[in-house]
């Protein structure tokens, strides 16, 4: 998990975990993952959120980069929930 701060104020977060080739993560895809695409573990970025005052400032990009930089996995995947619409479904205050 990564939490981004502006001074002492938390502005957003991201979390995820390693998903191996047999992980149930891949079974939840809208379309099957092509054969051979997932032959080694990938990092599954599960959620990223930024508080309203810091949206559009690059905070999400900084948090994302801090989360995935130096990961040992060769691939990163992000699952998107289409029911979330524009992302404000679960917006942070």
PDB file of N, CA and C in Angstrom:
ATOM      1  N   UNK A   1       0.852  -1.173   0.000  1.00  0.00           N
ATOM      2  CA  UNK A   1       0.000   0.000   0.000  1.00  0.00           C
ATOM      3  C   UNK A   1       0.893   1.229   0.000  1.00  0.00           C
ATOM      4  N   UNK A   2       0.457   2.242  -0.739  1.00  0.00           N
ATOM      5  CA  UNK A   2       1.145   3.528  -0.786  1.00  0.00           C
ATOM      6  C   UNK A   2       0.131   4.601  -0.424  1.00  0.00           C
ATOM      7  N   UNK A   3       0.522   5.520   0.434  1.00  0.00           N
ATOM      8  CA  UNK A   3      -0.294   6.684   0.772  1.00  0.00           C
ATOM      9  C   UNK A   3       0.510   7.911   0.376  1.00  0.00           C
ATOM     10  N   UNK A   4      -0.132   8.805  -0.390  1.00  0.00           N
ATOM     11  CA  UNK A   4       0.521  10.042  -0.790  1.00  0.00           C
ATOM     12  C   UNK A   4       0.156  11.166   0.162  1.00  0.00           C
ATOM     13  N   UNK A   5       1.120  12.025   0.444  1.00  0.00           N
ATOM     14  CA  UNK A   5       0.913  13.151   1.359  1.00  0.00           C
ATOM     15  C   UNK A   5       1.316  14.457   0.703  1.00  0.00           C
ATOM     16  N   UNK A   6       0.639  15.514   1.077  1.00  0.00           N
ATOM     17  CA  UNK A   6       1.009  16.882   0.727  1.00  0.00           C
ATOM     18  C   UNK A   6       1.285  17.549   2.064  1.00  0.00           C
ATOM     19  N   UNK A   7       2.546  17.706   2.398  1.00  0.00           N
ATOM     20  CA  UNK A   7       2.889  18.124   3.757  1.00  0.00           C
ATOM     21  C   UNK A   7       2.494  16.995   4.689  1.00  0.00           C
ATOM     22  N   UNK A   8       1.654  17.273   5.659  1.00  0.00           N
ATOM     23  CA  UNK A   8       1.184  16.227   6.558  1.00  0.00           C
ATOM     24  C   UNK A   8      -0.187  15.693   6.213  1.00  0.00           C
ATOM     25  N   UNK A   9      -0.798  16.209   5.142  1.00  0.00           N
ATOM     26  CA  UNK A   9      -2.165  15.815   4.783  1.00  0.00           C
ATOM     27  C   UNK A   9      -2.165  14.642   3.809  1.00  0.00           C
ATOM     28  N   UNK A  10      -2.887  13.551   4.127  1.00  0.00           N
ATOM     29  CA  UNK A  10      -2.999  12.450   3.171  1.00  0.00           C
ATOM     30  C   UNK A  10      -3.865  12.881   1.987  1.00  0.00           C
ATOM     31  N   UNK A  11      -3.365  12.633   0.776  1.00  0.00           N
ATOM     32  CA  UNK A  11      -4.100  13.054  -0.417  1.00  0.00           C
ATOM     33  C   UNK A  11      -4.674  11.892  -1.216  1.00  0.00           C
ATOM     34  N   UNK A  12      -4.134  10.699  -1.039  1.00  0.00           N
ATOM     35  CA  UNK A  12      -4.635   9.554  -1.788  1.00  0.00           C
ATOM     36  C   UNK A  12      -3.874   8.298  -1.433  1.00  0.00           C
ATOM     37  N   UNK A  13      -4.265   7.208  -2.073  1.00  0.00           N
ATOM     38  CA  UNK A  13      -3.672   5.910  -1.757  1.00  0.00           C
ATOM     39  C   UNK A  13      -3.785   4.985  -2.958  1.00  0.00           C
ATOM     40  N   UNK A  14      -3.032   3.920  -2.903  1.00  0.00           N
ATOM     41  CA  UNK A  14      -3.136   2.832  -3.879  1.00  0.00           C
ATOM     42  C   UNK A  14      -2.738   1.548  -3.172  1.00  0.00           C
ATOM     43  N   UNK A  15      -3.337   0.452  -3.613  1.00  0.00           N
ATOM     44  CA  UNK A  15      -2.911  -0.845  -3.091  1.00  0.00           C
ATOM     45  C   UNK A  15      -3.089  -1.911  -4.146  1.00  0.00           C
ATOM     46  N   UNK A  16      -2.378  -3.014  -3.947  1.00  0.00           N
ATOM     47  CA  UNK A  16      -2.447  -4.139  -4.864  1.00  0.00           C
ATOM     48  C   UNK A  16      -1.661  -5.302  -4.300  1.00  0.00           C
ATOM     49  N   UNK A  17      -1.514  -6.335  -5.114  1.00  0.00           N
ATOM     50  CA  UNK A  17      -0.769  -7.514  -4.691  1.00  0.00           C
ATOM     51  C   UNK A  17      -0.299  -8.290  -5.915  1.00  0.00           C
ATOM     52  N   UNK A  18       0.571  -9.249  -5.664  1.00  0.00           N
ATOM     53  CA  UNK A  18       1.050 -10.119  -6.729  1.00  0.00           C
ATOM     54  C   UNK A  18      -0.042 -11.116  -7.095  1.00  0.00           C
ATOM     55  N   UNK A  19      -0.273 -11.278  -8.389  1.00  0.00           N
ATOM     56  CA  UNK A  19      -1.240 -12.257  -8.895  1.00  0.00           C
ATOM     57  C   UNK A  19      -0.481 -13.258  -9.760  1.00  0.00           C
ATOM     58  N   UNK A  20      -0.425 -14.498  -9.297  1.00  0.00           N
ATOM     59  CA  UNK A  20       0.247 -15.550 -10.056  1.00  0.00           C
ATOM     60  C   UNK A  20      -0.595 -16.009 -11.235  1.00  0.00           C
ATOM     61  N   UNK A  21      -0.029 -16.811 -12.119  1.00  0.00           N
ATOM     62  CA  UNK A  21      -0.748 -17.277 -13.307  1.00  0.00           C
ATOM     63  C   UNK A  21      -2.055 -18.006 -13.008  1.00  0.00           C
ATOM     64  N   UNK A  22      -2.158 -18.651 -11.863  1.00  0.00           N
ATOM     65  CA  UNK A  22      -3.374 -19.397 -11.516  1.00  0.00           C
ATOM     66  C   UNK A  22      -4.307 -18.614 -10.591  1.00  0.00           C
ATOM     67  N   UNK A  23      -3.989 -17.368 -10.319  1.00  0.00           N
ATOM     68  CA  UNK A  23      -4.787 -16.551  -9.399  1.00  0.00           C
ATOM     69  C   UNK A  23      -6.195 -16.315  -9.948  1.00  0.00           C
ATOM     70  N   UNK A  24      -7.178 -16.247  -9.065  1.00  0.00           N
ATOM     71  CA  UNK A  24      -8.570 -16.007  -9.482  1.00  0.00           C
ATOM     72  C   UNK A  24      -8.760 -14.623 -10.107  1.00  0.00           C
ATOM     73  N   UNK A  25      -7.807 -13.745  -9.916  1.00  0.00           N
ATOM     74  CA  UNK A  25      -7.835 -12.408 -10.522  1.00  0.00           C
ATOM     75  C   UNK A  25      -8.103 -12.502 -12.021  1.00  0.00           C
ATOM     76  N   UNK A  26      -7.422 -13.427 -12.686  1.00  0.00           N
ATOM     77  CA  UNK A  26      -7.531 -13.546 -14.142  1.00  0.00           C
ATOM     78  C   UNK A  26      -8.892 -14.081 -14.580  1.00  0.00           C
ATOM     79  N   UNK A  27      -9.563 -14.852 -13.756  1.00  0.00           N
ATOM     80  CA  UNK A  27     -10.873 -15.407 -14.105  1.00  0.00           C
ATOM     81  C   UNK A  27     -11.961 -14.342 -14.104  1.00  0.00           C
ATOM     82  N   UNK A  28     -11.697 -13.190 -13.517  1.00  0.00           N
ATOM     83  CA  UNK A  28     -12.705 -12.128 -13.432  1.00  0.00           C
ATOM     84  C   UNK A  28     -12.665 -11.157 -14.612  1.00  0.00           C
ATOM     85  N   UNK A  29     -11.822 -11.413 -15.576  1.00  0.00           N
ATOM     86  CA  UNK A  29     -11.728 -10.525 -16.736  1.00  0.00           C
ATOM     87  C   UNK A  29     -12.975 -10.650 -17.606  1.00  0.00           C
ATOM     88  N   UNK A  30     -13.369  -9.540 -18.227  1.00  0.00           N
ATOM     89  CA  UNK A  30     -14.541  -9.544 -19.110  1.00  0.00           C
ATOM     90  C   UNK A  30     -14.300 -10.458 -20.308  1.00  0.00           C
ATOM     91  N   UNK A  31     -13.071 -10.467 -20.805  1.00  0.00           N
ATOM     92  CA  UNK A  31     -12.680 -11.358 -21.894  1.00  0.00           C
ATOM     93  C   UNK A  31     -11.515 -12.206 -21.406  1.00  0.00           C
ATOM     94  N   UNK A  32     -11.467 -13.462 -21.793  1.00  0.00           N
ATOM     95  CA  UNK A  32     -10.367 -14.320 -21.334  1.00  0.00           C
ATOM     96  C   UNK A  32      -9.001 -13.749 -21.724  1.00  0.00           C
ATOM     97  N   UNK A  33      -8.056 -13.919 -20.851  1.00  0.00           N
ATOM     98  CA  UNK A  33      -6.685 -13.495 -21.128  1.00  0.00           C
ATOM     99  C   UNK A  33      -6.093 -14.463 -22.153  1.00  0.00           C
ATOM    100  N   UNK A  34      -5.460 -13.950 -23.222  1.00  0.00           N
ATOM    101  CA  UNK A  34      -4.890 -14.833 -24.236  1.00  0.00           C
ATOM    102  C   UNK A  34      -3.904 -15.838 -23.634  1.00  0.00           C
ATOM    103  N   UNK A  35      -3.919 -17.040 -24.168  1.00  0.00           N
ATOM    104  CA  UNK A  35      -3.027 -18.106 -23.698  1.00  0.00           C
ATOM    105  C   UNK A  35      -1.579 -17.638 -23.757  1.00  0.00           C
ATOM    106  N   UNK A  36      -0.837 -17.927 -22.723  1.00  0.00           N
ATOM    107  CA  UNK A  36       0.572 -17.557 -22.673  1.00  0.00           C
ATOM    108  C   UNK A  36       0.839 -16.151 -22.190  1.00  0.00           C
ATOM    109  N   UNK A  37      -0.184 -15.320 -22.116  1.00  0.00           N
ATOM    110  CA  UNK A  37       0.004 -13.928 -21.689  1.00  0.00           C
ATOM    111  C   UNK A  37       0.424 -13.853 -20.226  1.00  0.00           C
ATOM    112  N   UNK A  38      -0.119 -14.742 -19.422  1.00  0.00           N
ATOM    113  CA  UNK A  38       0.174 -14.732 -17.989  1.00  0.00           C
ATOM    114  C   UNK A  38       0.916 -16.019 -17.640  1.00  0.00           C
ATOM    115  N   UNK A  39       2.202 -16.008 -17.859  1.00  0.00           N
ATOM    116  CA  UNK A  39       3.006 -17.189 -17.545  1.00  0.00           C
ATOM    117  C   UNK A  39       3.862 -16.970 -16.303  1.00  0.00           C
ATOM    118  N   UNK A  40       3.882 -15.739 -15.824  1.00  0.00           N
ATOM    119  CA  UNK A  40       4.625 -15.420 -14.607  1.00  0.00           C
ATOM    120  C   UNK A  40       3.783 -14.447 -13.785  1.00  0.00           C
ATOM    121  N   UNK A  41       4.118 -14.254 -12.523  1.00  0.00           N
ATOM    122  CA  UNK A  41       3.321 -13.355 -11.689  1.00  0.00           C
ATOM    123  C   UNK A  41       3.287 -11.928 -12.238  1.00  0.00           C
ATOM    124  N   UNK A  42       2.170 -11.264 -12.016  1.00  0.00           N
ATOM    125  CA  UNK A  42       1.995  -9.856 -12.376  1.00  0.00           C
ATOM    126  C   UNK A  42       1.581  -9.102 -11.119  1.00  0.00           C
ATOM    127  N   UNK A  43       1.800  -7.804 -11.119  1.00  0.00           N
ATOM    128  CA  UNK A  43       1.324  -6.994 -10.008  1.00  0.00           C
ATOM    129  C   UNK A  43      -0.074  -6.509 -10.358  1.00  0.00           C
ATOM    130  N   UNK A  44      -1.041  -6.800  -9.498  1.00  0.00           N
ATOM    131  CA  UNK A  44      -2.433  -6.390  -9.708  1.00  0.00           C
ATOM    132  C   UNK A  44      -2.692  -5.133  -8.889  1.00  0.00           C
ATOM    133  N   UNK A  45      -2.772  -3.995  -9.562  1.00  0.00           N
ATOM    134  CA  UNK A  45      -3.105  -2.734  -8.901  1.00  0.00           C
ATOM    135  C   UNK A  45      -4.611  -2.735  -8.718  1.00  0.00           C
ATOM    136  N   UNK A  46      -5.056  -2.847  -7.489  1.00  0.00           N
ATOM    137  CA  UNK A  46      -6.471  -3.069  -7.214  1.00  0.00           C
ATOM    138  C   UNK A  46      -7.272  -1.801  -7.027  1.00  0.00           C
ATOM    139  N   UNK A  47      -6.660  -0.779  -6.490  1.00  0.00           N
ATOM    140  CA  UNK A  47      -7.417   0.450  -6.267  1.00  0.00           C
ATOM    141  C   UNK A  47      -6.455   1.616  -6.132  1.00  0.00           C
ATOM    142  N   UNK A  48      -6.910   2.760  -6.636  1.00  0.00           N
ATOM    143  CA  UNK A  48      -6.183   4.013  -6.463  1.00  0.00           C
ATOM    144  C   UNK A  48      -7.234   5.099  -6.286  1.00  0.00           C
ATOM    145  N   UNK A  49      -7.006   5.969  -5.338  1.00  0.00           N
ATOM    146  CA  UNK A  49      -7.963   7.045  -5.084  1.00  0.00           C
ATOM    147  C   UNK A  49      -7.249   8.295  -4.624  1.00  0.00           C
ATOM    148  N   UNK A  50      -7.789   9.445  -5.017  1.00  0.00           N
ATOM    149  CA  UNK A  50      -7.220  10.739  -4.645  1.00  0.00           C
ATOM    150  C   UNK A  50      -8.345  11.630  -4.139  1.00  0.00           C
ATOM    151  N   UNK A  51      -8.096  12.315  -3.039  1.00  0.00           N
ATOM    152  CA  UNK A  51      -9.091  13.223  -2.473  1.00  0.00           C
ATOM    153  C   UNK A  51      -9.345  14.384  -3.435  1.00  0.00           C
ATOM    154  N   UNK A  52     -10.578  14.877  -3.421  1.00  0.00           N
ATOM    155  CA  UNK A  52     -11.047  15.879  -4.381  1.00  0.00           C
ATOM    156  C   UNK A  52     -10.108  17.075  -4.554  1.00  0.00           C
ATOM    157  N   UNK A  53      -9.634  17.719  -3.505  1.00  0.00           N
ATOM    158  CA  UNK A  53      -8.790  18.908  -3.720  1.00  0.00           C
ATOM    159  C   UNK A  53      -7.494  18.637  -4.484  1.00  0.00           C
ATOM    160  N   UNK A  54      -7.054  17.395  -4.531  1.00  0.00           N
ATOM    161  CA  UNK A  54      -5.792  17.064  -5.189  1.00  0.00           C
ATOM    162  C   UNK A  54      -5.987  16.403  -6.554  1.00  0.00           C
ATOM    163  N   UNK A  55      -7.212  16.267  -7.007  1.00  0.00           N
ATOM    164  CA  UNK A  55      -7.441  15.691  -8.334  1.00  0.00           C
ATOM    165  C   UNK A  55      -6.965  16.668  -9.403  1.00  0.00           C
ATOM    166  N   UNK A  56      -6.397  16.130 -10.450  1.00  0.00           N
ATOM    167  CA  UNK A  56      -5.904  16.960 -11.540  1.00  0.00           C
ATOM    168  C   UNK A  56      -4.555  17.606 -11.252  1.00  0.00           C
ATOM    169  N   UNK A  57      -3.906  17.207 -10.176  1.00  0.00           N
ATOM    170  CA  UNK A  57      -2.613  17.793  -9.807  1.00  0.00           C
ATOM    171  C   UNK A  57      -1.435  16.880 -10.112  1.00  0.00           C
ATOM    172  N   UNK A  58      -1.713  15.684 -10.580  1.00  0.00           N
ATOM    173  CA  UNK A  58      -0.653  14.707 -10.802  1.00  0.00           C
ATOM    174  C   UNK A  58      -0.418  13.805  -9.606  1.00  0.00           C
ATOM    175  N   UNK A  59      -1.212  13.982  -8.548  1.00  0.00           N
ATOM    176  CA  UNK A  59      -1.045  13.165  -7.340  1.00  0.00           C
ATOM    177  C   UNK A  59      -1.265  11.685  -7.635  1.00  0.00           C
ATOM    178  N   UNK A  60      -2.300  11.356  -8.410  1.00  0.00           N
ATOM    179  CA  UNK A  60      -2.573   9.946  -8.724  1.00  0.00           C
ATOM    180  C   UNK A  60      -1.401   9.326  -9.477  1.00  0.00           C
ATOM    181  N   UNK A  61      -0.823  10.068 -10.389  1.00  0.00           N
ATOM    182  CA  UNK A  61       0.328   9.563 -11.151  1.00  0.00           C
ATOM    183  C   UNK A  61       1.516   9.296 -10.229  1.00  0.00           C
ATOM    184  N   UNK A  62       1.763  10.215  -9.300  1.00  0.00           N
ATOM    185  CA  UNK A  62       2.862  10.028  -8.344  1.00  0.00           C
ATOM    186  C   UNK A  62       2.626   8.804  -7.467  1.00  0.00           C
ATOM    187  N   UNK A  63       1.389   8.644  -7.000  1.00  0.00           N
ATOM    188  CA  UNK A  63       1.055   7.494  -6.158  1.00  0.00           C
ATOM    189  C   UNK A  63       1.201   6.202  -6.963  1.00  0.00           C
ATOM    190  N   UNK A  64       0.677   6.212  -8.184  1.00  0.00           N
ATOM    191  CA  UNK A  64       0.802   5.050  -9.079  1.00  0.00           C
ATOM    192  C   UNK A  64       2.266   4.680  -9.279  1.00  0.00           C
ATOM    193  N   UNK A  65       3.077   5.668  -9.641  1.00  0.00           N
ATOM    194  CA  UNK A  65       4.482   5.396  -9.919  1.00  0.00           C
ATOM    195  C   UNK A  65       5.208   4.870  -8.685  1.00  0.00           C
ATOM    196  N   UNK A  66       4.897   5.428  -7.517  1.00  0.00           N
ATOM    197  CA  UNK A  66       5.510   4.934  -6.280  1.00  0.00           C
ATOM    198  C   UNK A  66       5.090   3.490  -6.004  1.00  0.00           C
ATOM    199  N   UNK A  67       3.863   3.155  -6.391  1.00  0.00           N
ATOM    200  CA  UNK A  67       3.345   1.803  -6.140  1.00  0.00           C
ATOM    201  C   UNK A  67       4.019   0.771  -7.037  1.00  0.00           C
ATOM    202  N   UNK A  68       4.210   1.090  -8.312  1.00  0.00           N
ATOM    203  CA  UNK A  68       4.690   0.074  -9.257  1.00  0.00           C
ATOM    204  C   UNK A  68       6.197   0.112  -9.513  1.00  0.00           C
ATOM    205  N   UNK A  69       6.859   1.201  -9.157  1.00  0.00           N
ATOM    206  CA  UNK A  69       8.303   1.296  -9.374  1.00  0.00           C
ATOM    207  C   UNK A  69       9.025   0.297  -8.481  1.00  0.00           C
ATOM    208  N   UNK A  70       9.970  -0.366  -9.055  1.00  0.00           N
ATOM    209  CA  UNK A  70      10.803  -1.350  -8.356  1.00  0.00           C
ATOM    210  C   UNK A  70      10.065  -2.616  -7.955  1.00  0.00           C
ATOM    211  N   UNK A  71       8.901  -2.872  -8.538  1.00  0.00           N
ATOM    212  CA  UNK A  71       8.224  -4.157  -8.292  1.00  0.00           C
ATOM    213  C   UNK A  71       9.009  -5.240  -9.028  1.00  0.00           C
ATOM    214  N   UNK A  72       9.069  -6.454  -8.496  1.00  0.00           N
ATOM    215  CA  UNK A  72       9.806  -7.512  -9.184  1.00  0.00           C
ATOM    216  C   UNK A  72       9.051  -8.103 -10.380  1.00  0.00           C
ATOM    217  N   UNK A  73       7.725  -7.932 -10.424  1.00  0.00           N
ATOM    218  CA  UNK A  73       6.931  -8.506 -11.519  1.00  0.00           C
ATOM    219  C   UNK A  73       7.234  -7.758 -12.823  1.00  0.00           C
ATOM    220  N   UNK A  74       7.138  -8.469 -13.934  1.00  0.00           N
ATOM    221  CA  UNK A  74       7.394  -7.853 -15.233  1.00  0.00           C
ATOM    222  C   UNK A  74       6.155  -7.196 -15.825  1.00  0.00           C
ATOM    223  N   UNK A  75       4.977  -7.511 -15.285  1.00  0.00           N
ATOM    224  CA  UNK A  75       3.732  -6.930 -15.787  1.00  0.00           C
ATOM    225  C   UNK A  75       2.947  -6.317 -14.635  1.00  0.00           C
ATOM    226  N   UNK A  76       2.183  -5.283 -14.969  1.00  0.00           N
ATOM    227  CA  UNK A  76       1.253  -4.664 -14.022  1.00  0.00           C
ATOM    228  C   UNK A  76      -0.108  -4.663 -14.688  1.00  0.00           C
ATOM    229  N   UNK A  77      -1.140  -4.993 -13.929  1.00  0.00           N
ATOM    230  CA  UNK A  77      -2.491  -4.979 -14.460  1.00  0.00           C
ATOM    231  C   UNK A  77      -3.389  -4.187 -13.523  1.00  0.00           C
ATOM    232  N   UNK A  78      -4.361  -3.520 -14.091  1.00  0.00           N
ATOM    233  CA  UNK A  78      -5.334  -2.756 -13.319  1.00  0.00           C
ATOM    234  C   UNK A  78      -6.715  -3.218 -13.741  1.00  0.00           C
ATOM    235  N   UNK A  79      -7.504  -3.702 -12.805  1.00  0.00           N
ATOM    236  CA  UNK A  79      -8.872  -4.101 -13.114  1.00  0.00           C
ATOM    237  C   UNK A  79      -9.774  -2.889 -12.904  1.00  0.00           C
ATOM    238  N   UNK A  80     -10.612  -2.615 -13.875  1.00  0.00           N
ATOM    239  CA  UNK A  80     -11.523  -1.482 -13.812  1.00  0.00           C
ATOM    240  C   UNK A  80     -12.942  -2.003 -13.676  1.00  0.00           C
ATOM    241  N   UNK A  81     -13.684  -1.435 -12.755  1.00  0.00           N
ATOM    242  CA  UNK A  81     -15.083  -1.801 -12.548  1.00  0.00           C
ATOM    243  C   UNK A  81     -15.953  -0.882 -13.401  1.00  0.00           C
ATOM    244  N   UNK A  82     -16.583  -1.391 -14.474  1.00  0.00           N
ATOM    245  CA  UNK A  82     -17.398  -0.533 -15.329  1.00  0.00           C
ATOM    246  C   UNK A  82     -18.580   0.087 -14.592  1.00  0.00           C
ATOM    247  N   UNK A  83     -19.006  -0.501 -13.488  1.00  0.00           N
ATOM    248  CA  UNK A  83     -20.117   0.063 -12.714  1.00  0.00           C
ATOM    249  C   UNK A  83     -19.702   1.327 -11.971  1.00  0.00           C
ATOM    250  N   UNK A  84     -18.400   1.588 -11.905  1.00  0.00           N
ATOM    251  CA  UNK A  84     -17.925   2.774 -11.193  1.00  0.00           C
ATOM    252  C   UNK A  84     -18.151   4.049 -11.998  1.00  0.00           C
ATOM    253  N   UNK A  85     -18.569   3.920 -13.252  1.00  0.00           N
ATOM    254  CA  UNK A  85     -18.844   5.101 -14.068  1.00  0.00           C
ATOM    255  C   UNK A  85     -17.617   5.973 -14.209  1.00  0.00           C
ATOM    256  N   UNK A  86     -17.748   7.222 -13.793  1.00  0.00           N
ATOM    257  CA  UNK A  86     -16.634   8.157 -13.920  1.00  0.00           C
ATOM    258  C   UNK A  86     -15.688   8.104 -12.728  1.00  0.00           C
ATOM    259  N   UNK A  87     -15.833   7.106 -11.888  1.00  0.00           N
ATOM    260  CA  UNK A  87     -14.958   6.959 -10.740  1.00  0.00           C
ATOM    261  C   UNK A  87     -15.464   7.632  -9.489  1.00  0.00           C
ATOM    262  N   UNK A  88     -16.539   8.393  -9.616  1.00  0.00           N
ATOM    263  CA  UNK A  88     -17.067   9.099  -8.454  1.00  0.00           C
ATOM    264  C   UNK A  88     -18.007   8.229  -7.636  1.00  0.00           C
ATOM    265  N   UNK A  89     -18.211   7.006  -8.096  1.00  0.00           N
ATOM    266  CA  UNK A  89     -19.056   6.065  -7.378  1.00  0.00           C
ATOM    267  C   UNK A  89     -18.568   5.866  -5.949  1.00  0.00           C
ATOM    268  N   UNK A  90     -17.271   5.806  -5.777  1.00  0.00           N
ATOM    269  CA  UNK A  90     -16.671   5.620  -4.458  1.00  0.00           C
ATOM    270  C   UNK A  90     -15.659   6.734  -4.202  1.00  0.00           C
ATOM    271  N   UNK A  91     -16.022   7.962  -4.539  1.00  0.00           N
ATOM    272  CA  UNK A  91     -15.095   9.083  -4.428  1.00  0.00           C
ATOM    273  C   UNK A  91     -14.675   9.341  -2.990  1.00  0.00           C
ATOM    274  N   UNK A  92     -13.422   9.727  -2.848  1.00  0.00           N
ATOM    275  CA  UNK A  92     -12.904  10.134  -1.541  1.00  0.00           C
ATOM    276  C   UNK A  92     -13.307  11.583  -1.289  1.00  0.00           C
ATOM    277  N   UNK A  93     -13.602  11.952  -0.043  1.00  0.00           N
ATOM    278  CA  UNK A  93     -13.954  13.362   0.224  1.00  0.00           C
ATOM    279  C   UNK A  93     -12.756  14.277   0.075  1.00  0.00           C
TER     280      UNK A  93
END
